[in-house]
């Protein structure tokens, strides 16, 4: 079970507290682990909107379909993470824009902006 909640001024909502308490008291006897971690914010909707606007401009300028250019930019500029393939060997996988944090998306778009400057493509900010 996953509970998502927000703390504001050191307080949580009462409903969340009751939901967690009810869930915990419904569990059968046994040993459990409760993990609390801070949620990482993914790329913002504003970043995504601007990104796809850029993709439209660049694809038109360079003669690509937008989705084709999107995939090329991911291959060229996206950060990667390491996972294991089915044989247990490490494999580098490019991060999709929908999985990037705000910071990662900012760096990714900076790389695209630099690419465009090198190719004399003007982008809105």
PDB file of N, CA and C in Angstrom:
ATOM      1  N   UNK A   1       0.854  -1.172   0.000  1.00  0.00           N
ATOM      2  CA  UNK A   1       0.000   0.000   0.000  1.00  0.00           C
ATOM      3  C   UNK A   1       0.896   1.229   0.000  1.00  0.00           C
ATOM      4  N   UNK A   2       0.509   2.238  -0.746  1.00  0.00           N
ATOM      5  CA  UNK A   2       1.278   3.477  -0.830  1.00  0.00           C
ATOM      6  C   UNK A   2       0.388   4.628  -0.390  1.00  0.00           C
ATOM      7  N   UNK A   3       0.904   5.449   0.520  1.00  0.00           N
ATOM      8  CA  UNK A   3       0.205   6.644   0.981  1.00  0.00           C
ATOM      9  C   UNK A   3       1.020   7.852   0.545  1.00  0.00           C
ATOM     10  N   UNK A   4       0.385   8.786  -0.100  1.00  0.00           N
ATOM     11  CA  UNK A   4       1.045  10.028  -0.475  1.00  0.00           C
ATOM     12  C   UNK A   4       0.413  11.144   0.332  1.00  0.00           C
ATOM     13  N   UNK A   5       1.252  11.987   0.917  1.00  0.00           N
ATOM     14  CA  UNK A   5       0.724  13.057   1.748  1.00  0.00           C
ATOM     15  C   UNK A   5       1.644  14.257   1.674  1.00  0.00           C
ATOM     16  N   UNK A   6       1.166  15.368   2.145  1.00  0.00           N
ATOM     17  CA  UNK A   6       1.928  16.607   2.146  1.00  0.00           C
ATOM     18  C   UNK A   6       1.992  17.126   3.578  1.00  0.00           C
ATOM     19  N   UNK A   7       3.147  17.638   3.941  1.00  0.00           N
ATOM     20  CA  UNK A   7       3.316  18.269   5.241  1.00  0.00           C
ATOM     21  C   UNK A   7       3.470  19.773   5.005  1.00  0.00           C
ATOM     22  N   UNK A   8       2.647  20.552   5.669  1.00  0.00           N
ATOM     23  CA  UNK A   8       2.700  22.009   5.581  1.00  0.00           C
ATOM     24  C   UNK A   8       2.759  22.545   7.002  1.00  0.00           C
ATOM     25  N   UNK A   9       3.790  23.330   7.296  1.00  0.00           N
ATOM     26  CA  UNK A   9       3.980  23.883   8.639  1.00  0.00           C
ATOM     27  C   UNK A   9       3.972  22.788   9.709  1.00  0.00           C
ATOM     28  N   UNK A  10       4.668  21.709   9.407  1.00  0.00           N
ATOM     29  CA  UNK A  10       4.844  20.572  10.334  1.00  0.00           C
ATOM     30  C   UNK A  10       3.550  19.799  10.602  1.00  0.00           C
ATOM     31  N   UNK A  11       2.518  19.985   9.775  1.00  0.00           N
ATOM     32  CA  UNK A  11       1.237  19.321   9.978  1.00  0.00           C
ATOM     33  C   UNK A  11       0.839  18.519   8.740  1.00  0.00           C
ATOM     34  N   UNK A  12       0.158  17.402   8.959  1.00  0.00           N
ATOM     35  CA  UNK A  12      -0.454  16.639   7.868  1.00  0.00           C
ATOM     36  C   UNK A  12      -1.967  16.740   8.024  1.00  0.00           C
ATOM     37  N   UNK A  13      -2.681  16.291   7.030  1.00  0.00           N
ATOM     38  CA  UNK A  13      -4.144  16.322   7.145  1.00  0.00           C
ATOM     39  C   UNK A  13      -4.602  15.208   8.079  1.00  0.00           C
ATOM     40  N   UNK A  14      -5.683  15.447   8.790  1.00  0.00           N
ATOM     41  CA  UNK A  14      -6.209  14.438   9.710  1.00  0.00           C
ATOM     42  C   UNK A  14      -6.684  13.206   8.958  1.00  0.00           C
ATOM     43  N   UNK A  15      -7.274  13.406   7.786  1.00  0.00           N
ATOM     44  CA  UNK A  15      -7.779  12.272   7.011  1.00  0.00           C
ATOM     45  C   UNK A  15      -6.660  11.289   6.712  1.00  0.00           C
ATOM     46  N   UNK A  16      -5.488  11.795   6.338  1.00  0.00           N
ATOM     47  CA  UNK A  16      -4.373  10.914   6.032  1.00  0.00           C
ATOM     48  C   UNK A  16      -3.975  10.104   7.265  1.00  0.00           C
ATOM     49  N   UNK A  17      -3.925  10.753   8.427  1.00  0.00           N
ATOM     50  CA  UNK A  17      -3.558  10.067   9.663  1.00  0.00           C
ATOM     51  C   UNK A  17      -4.527   8.922   9.955  1.00  0.00           C
ATOM     52  N   UNK A  18      -5.830   9.186   9.788  1.00  0.00           N
ATOM     53  CA  UNK A  18      -6.834   8.155  10.060  1.00  0.00           C
ATOM     54  C   UNK A  18      -6.746   7.024   9.041  1.00  0.00           C
ATOM     55  N   UNK A  19      -6.505   7.351   7.768  1.00  0.00           N
ATOM     56  CA  UNK A  19      -6.372   6.307   6.747  1.00  0.00           C
ATOM     57  C   UNK A  19      -5.195   5.394   7.041  1.00  0.00           C
ATOM     58  N   UNK A  20      -4.070   5.970   7.427  1.00  0.00           N
ATOM     59  CA  UNK A  20      -2.896   5.168   7.742  1.00  0.00           C
ATOM     60  C   UNK A  20      -3.156   4.319   8.982  1.00  0.00           C
ATOM     61  N   UNK A  21      -3.731   4.920  10.007  1.00  0.00           N
ATOM     62  CA  UNK A  21      -4.025   4.165  11.228  1.00  0.00           C
ATOM     63  C   UNK A  21      -4.960   2.996  10.931  1.00  0.00           C
ATOM     64  N   UNK A  22      -6.009   3.252  10.152  1.00  0.00           N
ATOM     65  CA  UNK A  22      -6.960   2.183   9.804  1.00  0.00           C
ATOM     66  C   UNK A  22      -6.280   1.077   9.020  1.00  0.00           C
ATOM     67  N   UNK A  23      -5.414   1.453   8.100  1.00  0.00           N
ATOM     68  CA  UNK A  23      -4.718   0.451   7.306  1.00  0.00           C
ATOM     69  C   UNK A  23      -3.797  -0.392   8.183  1.00  0.00           C
ATOM     70  N   UNK A  24      -3.010   0.273   9.032  1.00  0.00           N
ATOM     71  CA  UNK A  24      -2.063  -0.448   9.877  1.00  0.00           C
ATOM     72  C   UNK A  24      -2.774  -1.394  10.850  1.00  0.00           C
ATOM     73  N   UNK A  25      -3.877  -0.961  11.404  1.00  0.00           N
ATOM     74  CA  UNK A  25      -4.586  -1.825  12.361  1.00  0.00           C
ATOM     75  C   UNK A  25      -5.318  -2.970  11.657  1.00  0.00           C
ATOM     76  N   UNK A  26      -5.466  -2.908  10.340  1.00  0.00           N
ATOM     77  CA  UNK A  26      -6.129  -3.994   9.612  1.00  0.00           C
ATOM     78  C   UNK A  26      -5.163  -5.102   9.219  1.00  0.00           C
ATOM     79  N   UNK A  27      -3.867  -4.871   9.392  1.00  0.00           N
ATOM     80  CA  UNK A  27      -2.878  -5.867   8.986  1.00  0.00           C
ATOM     81  C   UNK A  27      -2.847  -7.046   9.958  1.00  0.00           C
ATOM     82  N   UNK A  28      -2.592  -8.248   9.434  1.00  0.00           N
ATOM     83  CA  UNK A  28      -2.451  -9.399  10.330  1.00  0.00           C
ATOM     84  C   UNK A  28      -1.135  -9.287  11.116  1.00  0.00           C
ATOM     85  N   UNK A  29      -1.026 -10.055  12.194  1.00  0.00           N
ATOM     86  CA  UNK A  29       0.201 -10.048  12.984  1.00  0.00           C
ATOM     87  C   UNK A  29       1.391 -10.385  12.097  1.00  0.00           C
ATOM     88  N   UNK A  30       2.513  -9.772  12.374  1.00  0.00           N
ATOM     89  CA  UNK A  30       3.725 -10.034  11.596  1.00  0.00           C
ATOM     90  C   UNK A  30       4.664  -8.853  11.676  1.00  0.00           C
ATOM     91  N   UNK A  31       5.803  -8.983  11.002  1.00  0.00           N
ATOM     92  CA  UNK A  31       6.805  -7.922  10.965  1.00  0.00           C
ATOM     93  C   UNK A  31       6.633  -7.134   9.668  1.00  0.00           C
ATOM     94  N   UNK A  32       6.695  -5.812   9.780  1.00  0.00           N
ATOM     95  CA  UNK A  32       6.510  -4.939   8.627  1.00  0.00           C
ATOM     96  C   UNK A  32       7.573  -3.858   8.617  1.00  0.00           C
ATOM     97  N   UNK A  33       7.791  -3.274   7.463  1.00  0.00           N
ATOM     98  CA  UNK A  33       8.690  -2.142   7.313  1.00  0.00           C
ATOM     99  C   UNK A  33       7.895  -0.977   6.755  1.00  0.00           C
ATOM    100  N   UNK A  34       8.016   0.164   7.380  1.00  0.00           N
ATOM    101  CA  UNK A  34       7.370   1.383   6.909  1.00  0.00           C
ATOM    102  C   UNK A  34       8.470   2.308   6.431  1.00  0.00           C
ATOM    103  N   UNK A  35       8.397   2.746   5.179  1.00  0.00           N
ATOM    104  CA  UNK A  35       9.417   3.619   4.608  1.00  0.00           C
ATOM    105  C   UNK A  35       8.785   4.958   4.240  1.00  0.00           C
ATOM    106  N   UNK A  36       9.437   6.026   4.634  1.00  0.00           N
ATOM    107  CA  UNK A  36       8.973   7.366   4.296  1.00  0.00           C
ATOM    108  C   UNK A  36      10.078   8.031   3.488  1.00  0.00           C
ATOM    109  N   UNK A  37       9.723   8.552   2.318  1.00  0.00           N
ATOM    110  CA  UNK A  37      10.714   9.248   1.504  1.00  0.00           C
ATOM    111  C   UNK A  37      10.074  10.479   0.882  1.00  0.00           C
ATOM    112  N   UNK A  38      10.898  11.460   0.613  1.00  0.00           N
ATOM    113  CA  UNK A  38      10.411  12.701   0.014  1.00  0.00           C
ATOM    114  C   UNK A  38      10.129  12.447  -1.464  1.00  0.00           C
ATOM    115  N   UNK A  39       8.987  12.929  -1.915  1.00  0.00           N
ATOM    116  CA  UNK A  39       8.608  12.779  -3.309  1.00  0.00           C
ATOM    117  C   UNK A  39       9.439  13.732  -4.154  1.00  0.00           C
ATOM    118  N   UNK A  40       9.986  13.207  -5.247  1.00  0.00           N
ATOM    119  CA  UNK A  40      10.740  14.048  -6.169  1.00  0.00           C
ATOM    120  C   UNK A  40       9.761  14.614  -7.186  1.00  0.00           C
ATOM    121  N   UNK A  41       9.884  15.900  -7.431  1.00  0.00           N
ATOM    122  CA  UNK A  41       8.975  16.500  -8.401  1.00  0.00           C
ATOM    123  C   UNK A  41       9.468  16.206  -9.807  1.00  0.00           C
ATOM    124  N   UNK A  42       8.560  15.752 -10.652  1.00  0.00           N
ATOM    125  CA  UNK A  42       8.920  15.494 -12.038  1.00  0.00           C
ATOM    126  C   UNK A  42       8.862  16.797 -12.815  1.00  0.00           C
ATOM    127  N   UNK A  43       9.288  16.725 -14.045  1.00  0.00           N
ATOM    128  CA  UNK A  43       9.309  17.931 -14.871  1.00  0.00           C
ATOM    129  C   UNK A  43       7.952  18.612 -14.825  1.00  0.00           C
ATOM    130  N   UNK A  44       7.980  19.914 -14.890  1.00  0.00           N
ATOM    131  CA  UNK A  44       6.740  20.668 -14.731  1.00  0.00           C
ATOM    132  C   UNK A  44       5.930  20.672 -16.022  1.00  0.00           C
ATOM    133  N   UNK A  45       4.656  20.954 -15.896  1.00  0.00           N
ATOM    134  CA  UNK A  45       3.798  21.054 -17.069  1.00  0.00           C
ATOM    135  C   UNK A  45       4.242  22.211 -17.961  1.00  0.00           C
ATOM    136  N   UNK A  46       4.738  23.279 -17.346  1.00  0.00           N
ATOM    137  CA  UNK A  46       5.235  24.420 -18.117  1.00  0.00           C
ATOM    138  C   UNK A  46       6.459  24.012 -18.937  1.00  0.00           C
ATOM    139  N   UNK A  47       7.356  23.230 -18.325  1.00  0.00           N
ATOM    140  CA  UNK A  47       8.519  22.742 -19.063  1.00  0.00           C
ATOM    141  C   UNK A  47       8.075  21.874 -20.233  1.00  0.00           C
ATOM    142  N   UNK A  48       7.133  20.992 -19.987  1.00  0.00           N
ATOM    143  CA  UNK A  48       6.662  20.083 -21.027  1.00  0.00           C
ATOM    144  C   UNK A  48       6.025  20.859 -22.184  1.00  0.00           C
ATOM    145  N   UNK A  49       5.218  21.851 -21.848  1.00  0.00           N
ATOM    146  CA  UNK A  49       4.557  22.664 -22.879  1.00  0.00           C
ATOM    147  C   UNK A  49       5.598  23.393 -23.735  1.00  0.00           C
ATOM    148  N   UNK A  50       6.582  24.011 -23.074  1.00  0.00           N
ATOM    149  CA  UNK A  50       7.632  24.717 -23.794  1.00  0.00           C
ATOM    150  C   UNK A  50       8.462  23.737 -24.620  1.00  0.00           C
ATOM    151  N   UNK A  51       8.784  22.588 -24.066  1.00  0.00           N
ATOM    152  CA  UNK A  51       9.570  21.570 -24.772  1.00  0.00           C
ATOM    153  C   UNK A  51       8.899  21.192 -26.088  1.00  0.00           C
ATOM    154  N   UNK A  52       7.604  20.891 -26.041  1.00  0.00           N
ATOM    155  CA  UNK A  52       6.916  20.470 -27.261  1.00  0.00           C
ATOM    156  C   UNK A  52       6.744  21.626 -28.234  1.00  0.00           C
ATOM    157  N   UNK A  53       6.692  22.846 -27.741  1.00  0.00           N
ATOM    158  CA  UNK A  53       6.686  24.005 -28.628  1.00  0.00           C
ATOM    159  C   UNK A  53       8.026  24.073 -29.366  1.00  0.00           C
ATOM    160  N   UNK A  54       9.117  23.895 -28.613  1.00  0.00           N
ATOM    161  CA  UNK A  54      10.446  23.864 -29.218  1.00  0.00           C
ATOM    162  C   UNK A  54      10.552  22.744 -30.246  1.00  0.00           C
ATOM    163  N   UNK A  55      10.060  21.566 -29.886  1.00  0.00           N
ATOM    164  CA  UNK A  55      10.138  20.417 -30.795  1.00  0.00           C
ATOM    165  C   UNK A  55       9.442  20.750 -32.117  1.00  0.00           C
ATOM    166  N   UNK A  56       8.283  21.406 -32.038  1.00  0.00           N
ATOM    167  CA  UNK A  56       7.568  21.802 -33.251  1.00  0.00           C
ATOM    168  C   UNK A  56       8.384  22.753 -34.115  1.00  0.00           C
ATOM    169  N   UNK A  57       9.001  23.742 -33.488  1.00  0.00           N
ATOM    170  CA  UNK A  57       9.803  24.728 -34.213  1.00  0.00           C
ATOM    171  C   UNK A  57      11.030  24.072 -34.842  1.00  0.00           C
ATOM    172  N   UNK A  58      11.738  23.284 -34.051  1.00  0.00           N
ATOM    173  CA  UNK A  58      12.978  22.659 -34.524  1.00  0.00           C
ATOM    174  C   UNK A  58      12.685  21.629 -35.610  1.00  0.00           C
ATOM    175  N   UNK A  59      11.646  20.824 -35.410  1.00  0.00           N
ATOM    176  CA  UNK A  59      11.328  19.787 -36.404  1.00  0.00           C
ATOM    177  C   UNK A  59      10.959  20.414 -37.737  1.00  0.00           C
ATOM    178  N   UNK A  60      10.228  21.508 -37.699  1.00  0.00           N
ATOM    179  CA  UNK A  60       9.871  22.199 -38.939  1.00  0.00           C
ATOM    180  C   UNK A  60      11.115  22.763 -39.616  1.00  0.00           C
ATOM    181  N   UNK A  61      12.005  23.327 -38.815  1.00  0.00           N
ATOM    182  CA  UNK A  61      13.226  23.930 -39.351  1.00  0.00           C
ATOM    183  C   UNK A  61      14.173  22.881 -39.948  1.00  0.00           C
ATOM    184  N   UNK A  62      14.266  21.719 -39.293  1.00  0.00           N
ATOM    185  CA  UNK A  62      15.215  20.691 -39.739  1.00  0.00           C
ATOM    186  C   UNK A  62      14.589  19.617 -40.633  1.00  0.00           C
ATOM    187  N   UNK A  63      13.254  19.641 -40.767  1.00  0.00           N
ATOM    188  CA  UNK A  63      12.599  18.674 -41.642  1.00  0.00           C
ATOM    189  C   UNK A  63      12.357  17.312 -41.018  1.00  0.00           C
ATOM    190  N   UNK A  64      12.135  17.273 -39.714  1.00  0.00           N
ATOM    191  CA  UNK A  64      11.818  16.039 -38.994  1.00  0.00           C
ATOM    192  C   UNK A  64      10.346  16.044 -38.598  1.00  0.00           C
ATOM    193  N   UNK A  65       9.807  14.865 -38.365  1.00  0.00           N
ATOM    194  CA  UNK A  65       8.515  14.769 -37.692  1.00  0.00           C
ATOM    195  C   UNK A  65       8.787  15.049 -36.213  1.00  0.00           C
ATOM    196  N   UNK A  66       7.847  15.688 -35.493  1.00  0.00           N
ATOM    197  CA  UNK A  66       8.094  16.014 -34.081  1.00  0.00           C
ATOM    198  C   UNK A  66       8.477  14.798 -33.226  1.00  0.00           C
ATOM    199  N   UNK A  67       7.766  13.697 -33.362  1.00  0.00           N
ATOM    200  CA  UNK A  67       8.076  12.516 -32.535  1.00  0.00           C
ATOM    201  C   UNK A  67       9.453  11.940 -32.876  1.00  0.00           C
ATOM    202  N   UNK A  68       9.818  12.009 -34.147  1.00  0.00           N
ATOM    203  CA  UNK A  68      11.129  11.547 -34.604  1.00  0.00           C
ATOM    204  C   UNK A  68      12.240  12.388 -33.978  1.00  0.00           C
ATOM    205  N   UNK A  69      12.051  13.702 -33.959  1.00  0.00           N
ATOM    206  CA  UNK A  69      13.031  14.600 -33.367  1.00  0.00           C
ATOM    207  C   UNK A  69      13.108  14.394 -31.852  1.00  0.00           C
ATOM    208  N   UNK A  70      11.960  14.212 -31.230  1.00  0.00           N
ATOM    209  CA  UNK A  70      11.905  13.942 -29.787  1.00  0.00           C
ATOM    210  C   UNK A  70      12.779  12.733 -29.446  1.00  0.00           C
ATOM    211  N   UNK A  71      12.625  11.658 -30.203  1.00  0.00           N
ATOM    212  CA  UNK A  71      13.420  10.440 -29.956  1.00  0.00           C
ATOM    213  C   UNK A  71      14.910  10.691 -30.198  1.00  0.00           C
ATOM    214  N   UNK A  72      15.231  11.462 -31.244  1.00  0.00           N
ATOM    215  CA  UNK A  72      16.635  11.777 -31.532  1.00  0.00           C
ATOM    216  C   UNK A  72      17.252  12.604 -30.407  1.00  0.00           C
ATOM    217  N   UNK A  73      16.494  13.572 -29.880  1.00  0.00           N
ATOM    218  CA  UNK A  73      17.001  14.383 -28.774  1.00  0.00           C
ATOM    219  C   UNK A  73      17.180  13.556 -27.509  1.00  0.00           C
ATOM    220  N   UNK A  74      16.260  12.655 -27.241  1.00  0.00           N
ATOM    221  CA  UNK A  74      16.429  11.784 -26.071  1.00  0.00           C
ATOM    222  C   UNK A  74      17.712  10.983 -26.210  1.00  0.00           C
ATOM    223  N   UNK A  75      17.917  10.405 -27.371  1.00  0.00           N
ATOM    224  CA  UNK A  75      19.125   9.610 -27.608  1.00  0.00           C
ATOM    225  C   UNK A  75      20.388  10.459 -27.445  1.00  0.00           C
ATOM    226  N   UNK A  76      20.338  11.693 -27.909  1.00  0.00           N
ATOM    227  CA  UNK A  76      21.518  12.553 -27.896  1.00  0.00           C
ATOM    228  C   UNK A  76      21.765  13.257 -26.562  1.00  0.00           C
ATOM    229  N   UNK A  77      20.699  13.722 -25.888  1.00  0.00           N
ATOM    230  CA  UNK A  77      20.881  14.636 -24.773  1.00  0.00           C
ATOM    231  C   UNK A  77      20.324  14.183 -23.424  1.00  0.00           C
ATOM    232  N   UNK A  78      19.490  13.170 -23.396  1.00  0.00           N
ATOM    233  CA  UNK A  78      18.831  12.783 -22.138  1.00  0.00           C
ATOM    234  C   UNK A  78      19.802  12.132 -21.163  1.00  0.00           C
ATOM    235  N   UNK A  79      19.584  12.341 -19.871  1.00  0.00           N
ATOM    236  CA  UNK A  79      20.385  11.630 -18.878  1.00  0.00           C
ATOM    237  C   UNK A  79      20.028  10.141 -18.921  1.00  0.00           C
ATOM    238  N   UNK A  80      20.878   9.328 -18.346  1.00  0.00           N
ATOM    239  CA  UNK A  80      20.597   7.900 -18.350  1.00  0.00           C
ATOM    240  C   UNK A  80      20.714   7.334 -16.944  1.00  0.00           C
ATOM    241  N   UNK A  81      20.176   6.149 -16.794  1.00  0.00           N
ATOM    242  CA  UNK A  81      20.349   5.405 -15.558  1.00  0.00           C
ATOM    243  C   UNK A  81      20.793   3.999 -15.939  1.00  0.00           C
ATOM    244  N   UNK A  82      21.336   3.282 -14.987  1.00  0.00           N
ATOM    245  CA  UNK A  82      21.823   1.940 -15.250  1.00  0.00           C
ATOM    246  C   UNK A  82      20.859   0.923 -14.651  1.00  0.00           C
ATOM    247  N   UNK A  83      20.486  -0.033 -15.487  1.00  0.00           N
ATOM    248  CA  UNK A  83      19.617  -1.136 -15.059  1.00  0.00           C
ATOM    249  C   UNK A  83      20.270  -2.426 -15.531  1.00  0.00           C
ATOM    250  N   UNK A  84      19.695  -3.535 -15.148  1.00  0.00           N
ATOM    251  CA  UNK A  84      20.226  -4.823 -15.592  1.00  0.00           C
ATOM    252  C   UNK A  84      19.342  -5.399 -16.680  1.00  0.00           C
ATOM    253  N   UNK A  85      19.987  -6.022 -17.679  1.00  0.00           N
ATOM    254  CA  UNK A  85      19.199  -6.703 -18.692  1.00  0.00           C
ATOM    255  C   UNK A  85      18.770  -8.070 -18.148  1.00  0.00           C
ATOM    256  N   UNK A  86      18.125  -8.876 -18.964  1.00  0.00           N
ATOM    257  CA  UNK A  86      17.612 -10.169 -18.494  1.00  0.00           C
ATOM    258  C   UNK A  86      18.716 -11.151 -18.120  1.00  0.00           C
ATOM    259  N   UNK A  87      19.930 -10.884 -18.563  1.00  0.00           N
ATOM    260  CA  UNK A  87      21.072 -11.729 -18.204  1.00  0.00           C
ATOM    261  C   UNK A  87      21.838 -11.178 -17.009  1.00  0.00           C
ATOM    262  N   UNK A  88      21.326 -10.112 -16.413  1.00  0.00           N
ATOM    263  CA  UNK A  88      21.962  -9.534 -15.242  1.00  0.00           C
ATOM    264  C   UNK A  88      23.091  -8.572 -15.556  1.00  0.00           C
ATOM    265  N   UNK A  89      23.318  -8.281 -16.829  1.00  0.00           N
ATOM    266  CA  UNK A  89      24.393  -7.369 -17.215  1.00  0.00           C
ATOM    267  C   UNK A  89      23.893  -5.924 -17.134  1.00  0.00           C
ATOM    268  N   UNK A  90      24.753  -5.009 -16.668  1.00  0.00           N
ATOM    269  CA  UNK A  90      24.349  -3.609 -16.596  1.00  0.00           C
ATOM    270  C   UNK A  90      24.083  -3.033 -17.993  1.00  0.00           C
ATOM    271  N   UNK A  91      23.076  -2.209 -18.069  1.00  0.00           N
ATOM    272  CA  UNK A  91      22.694  -1.591 -19.336  1.00  0.00           C
ATOM    273  C   UNK A  91      22.291  -0.151 -19.059  1.00  0.00           C
ATOM    274  N   UNK A  92      22.779   0.771 -19.886  1.00  0.00           N
ATOM    275  CA  UNK A  92      22.417   2.174 -19.721  1.00  0.00           C
ATOM    276  C   UNK A  92      21.137   2.453 -20.501  1.00  0.00           C
ATOM    277  N   UNK A  93      20.188   3.088 -19.828  1.00  0.00           N
ATOM    278  CA  UNK A  93      18.898   3.398 -20.422  1.00  0.00           C
ATOM    279  C   UNK A  93      18.669   4.899 -20.345  1.00  0.00           C
ATOM    280  N   UNK A  94      18.276   5.483 -21.472  1.00  0.00           N
ATOM    281  CA  UNK A  94      17.996   6.915 -21.513  1.00  0.00           C
ATOM    282  C   UNK A  94      16.684   7.199 -20.795  1.00  0.00           C
ATOM    283  N   UNK A  95      16.659   8.256 -20.034  1.00  0.00           N
ATOM    284  CA  UNK A  95      15.470   8.642 -19.280  1.00  0.00           C
ATOM    285  C   UNK A  95      14.476   9.338 -20.200  1.00  0.00           C
ATOM    286  N   UNK A  96      13.222   8.985 -20.108  1.00  0.00           N
ATOM    287  CA  UNK A  96      12.159   9.639 -20.859  1.00  0.00           C
ATOM    288  C   UNK A  96      11.873  10.996 -20.214  1.00  0.00           C
ATOM    289  N   UNK A  97      11.414  11.959 -20.987  1.00  0.00           N
ATOM    290  CA  UNK A  97      11.159  13.284 -20.429  1.00  0.00           C
ATOM    291  C   UNK A  97      10.099  13.237 -19.336  1.00  0.00           C
ATOM    292  N   UNK A  98       9.141  12.319 -19.457  1.00  0.00           N
ATOM    293  CA  UNK A  98       8.086  12.223 -18.434  1.00  0.00           C
ATOM    294  C   UNK A  98       8.620  11.732 -17.094  1.00  0.00           C
ATOM    295  N   UNK A  99       9.800  11.150 -17.079  1.00  0.00           N
ATOM    296  CA  UNK A  99      10.400  10.636 -15.844  1.00  0.00           C
ATOM    297  C   UNK A  99      11.498  11.546 -15.292  1.00  0.00           C
ATOM    298  N   UNK A 100      11.794  12.629 -16.012  1.00  0.00           N
ATOM    299  CA  UNK A 100      12.852  13.535 -15.555  1.00  0.00           C
ATOM    300  C   UNK A 100      12.347  14.434 -14.436  1.00  0.00           C
ATOM    301  N   UNK A 101      13.257  14.768 -13.535  1.00  0.00           N
ATOM    302  CA  UNK A 101      12.948  15.759 -12.504  1.00  0.00           C
ATOM    303  C   UNK A 101      12.977  17.140 -13.155  1.00  0.00           C
ATOM    304  N   UNK A 102      12.528  18.144 -12.426  1.00  0.00           N
ATOM    305  CA  UNK A 102      12.565  19.514 -12.936  1.00  0.00           C
ATOM    306  C   UNK A 102      14.009  19.886 -13.288  1.00  0.00           C
ATOM    307  N   UNK A 103      14.941  19.546 -12.417  1.00  0.00           N
ATOM    308  CA  UNK A 103      16.353  19.860 -12.651  1.00  0.00           C
ATOM    309  C   UNK A 103      16.890  19.133 -13.883  1.00  0.00           C
ATOM    310  N   UNK A 104      16.579  17.844 -14.023  1.00  0.00           N
ATOM    311  CA  UNK A 104      17.036  17.088 -15.188  1.00  0.00           C
ATOM    312  C   UNK A 104      16.454  17.645 -16.483  1.00  0.00           C
ATOM    313  N   UNK A 105      15.169  18.019 -16.436  1.00  0.00           N
ATOM    314  CA  UNK A 105      14.520  18.569 -17.626  1.00  0.00           C
ATOM    315  C   UNK A 105      15.134  19.915 -17.992  1.00  0.00           C
ATOM    316  N   UNK A 106      15.500  20.715 -16.996  1.00  0.00           N
ATOM    317  CA  UNK A 106      16.155  22.000 -17.250  1.00  0.00           C
ATOM    318  C   UNK A 106      17.486  21.779 -17.971  1.00  0.00           C
ATOM    319  N   UNK A 107      18.293  20.846 -17.477  1.00  0.00           N
ATOM    320  CA  UNK A 107      19.586  20.559 -18.113  1.00  0.00           C
ATOM    321  C   UNK A 107      19.395  20.002 -19.521  1.00  0.00           C
ATOM    322  N   UNK A 108      18.418  19.142 -19.695  1.00  0.00           N
ATOM    323  CA  UNK A 108      18.105  18.556 -21.000  1.00  0.00           C
ATOM    324  C   UNK A 108      17.731  19.658 -21.994  1.00  0.00           C
ATOM    325  N   UNK A 109      16.856  20.563 -21.569  1.00  0.00           N
ATOM    326  CA  UNK A 109      16.436  21.652 -22.453  1.00  0.00           C
ATOM    327  C   UNK A 109      17.580  22.635 -22.710  1.00  0.00           C
ATOM    328  N   UNK A 110      18.476  22.813 -21.752  1.00  0.00           N
ATOM    329  CA  UNK A 110      19.658  23.646 -21.977  1.00  0.00           C
ATOM    330  C   UNK A 110      20.527  23.060 -23.086  1.00  0.00           C
ATOM    331  N   UNK A 111      20.670  21.739 -23.099  1.00  0.00           N
ATOM    332  CA  UNK A 111      21.457  21.078 -24.152  1.00  0.00           C
ATOM    333  C   UNK A 111      20.800  21.278 -25.518  1.00  0.00           C
ATOM    334  N   UNK A 112      19.478  21.187 -25.548  1.00  0.00           N
ATOM    335  CA  UNK A 112      18.753  21.398 -26.801  1.00  0.00           C
ATOM    336  C   UNK A 112      18.893  22.853 -27.244  1.00  0.00           C
ATOM    337  N   UNK A 113      18.805  23.775 -26.315  1.00  0.00           N
ATOM    338  CA  UNK A 113      18.964  25.195 -26.623  1.00  0.00           C
ATOM    339  C   UNK A 113      20.350  25.466 -27.218  1.00  0.00           C
ATOM    340  N   UNK A 114      21.358  24.839 -26.650  1.00  0.00           N
ATOM    341  CA  UNK A 114      22.723  24.997 -27.149  1.00  0.00           C
ATOM    342  C   UNK A 114      22.826  24.430 -28.574  1.00  0.00           C
ATOM    343  N   UNK A 115      22.235  23.265 -28.799  1.00  0.00           N
ATOM    344  CA  UNK A 115      22.195  22.658 -30.130  1.00  0.00           C
ATOM    345  C   UNK A 115      21.561  23.629 -31.130  1.00  0.00           C
ATOM    346  N   UNK A 116      20.454  24.237 -30.741  1.00  0.00           N
ATOM    347  CA  UNK A 116      19.741  25.162 -31.625  1.00  0.00           C
ATOM    348  C   UNK A 116      20.568  26.404 -31.913  1.00  0.00           C
ATOM    349  N   UNK A 117      21.267  26.907 -30.902  1.00  0.00           N
ATOM    350  CA  UNK A 117      22.129  28.073 -31.108  1.00  0.00           C
ATOM    351  C   UNK A 117      23.219  27.747 -32.131  1.00  0.00           C
ATOM    352  N   UNK A 118      23.765  26.542 -32.047  1.00  0.00           N
ATOM    353  CA  UNK A 118      24.801  26.120 -32.997  1.00  0.00           C
ATOM    354  C   UNK A 118      24.248  25.997 -34.416  1.00  0.00           C
ATOM    355  N   UNK A 119      22.952  25.749 -34.541  1.00  0.00           N
ATOM    356  CA  UNK A 119      22.318  25.572 -35.850  1.00  0.00           C
ATOM    357  C   UNK A 119      21.467  26.784 -36.256  1.00  0.00           C
ATOM    358  N   UNK A 120      21.676  27.900 -35.556  1.00  0.00           N
ATOM    359  CA  UNK A 120      20.993  29.162 -35.851  1.00  0.00           C
ATOM    360  C   UNK A 120      19.464  29.031 -35.847  1.00  0.00           C
ATOM    361  N   UNK A 121      18.958  28.253 -34.899  1.00  0.00           N
ATOM    362  CA  UNK A 121      17.514  28.091 -34.727  1.00  0.00           C
ATOM    363  C   UNK A 121      17.118  28.898 -33.514  1.00  0.00           C
ATOM    364  N   UNK A 122      16.192  29.827 -33.690  1.00  0.00           N
ATOM    365  CA  UNK A 122      15.757  30.691 -32.591  1.00  0.00           C
ATOM    366  C   UNK A 122      14.565  30.048 -31.891  1.00  0.00           C
ATOM    367  N   UNK A 123      14.666  29.991 -30.570  1.00  0.00           N
ATOM    368  CA  UNK A 123      13.622  29.386 -29.744  1.00  0.00           C
ATOM    369  C   UNK A 123      13.022  30.411 -28.804  1.00  0.00           C
ATOM    370  N   UNK A 124      11.708  30.316 -28.556  1.00  0.00           N
ATOM    371  CA  UNK A 124      11.098  31.169 -27.526  1.00  0.00           C
ATOM    372  C   UNK A 124      11.513  30.663 -26.147  1.00  0.00           C
ATOM    373  N   UNK A 125      11.559  31.567 -25.191  1.00  0.00           N
ATOM    374  CA  UNK A 125      11.921  31.162 -23.817  1.00  0.00           C
ATOM    375  C   UNK A 125      10.737  31.075 -22.936  1.00  0.00           C
TER     376      UNK A 125
END
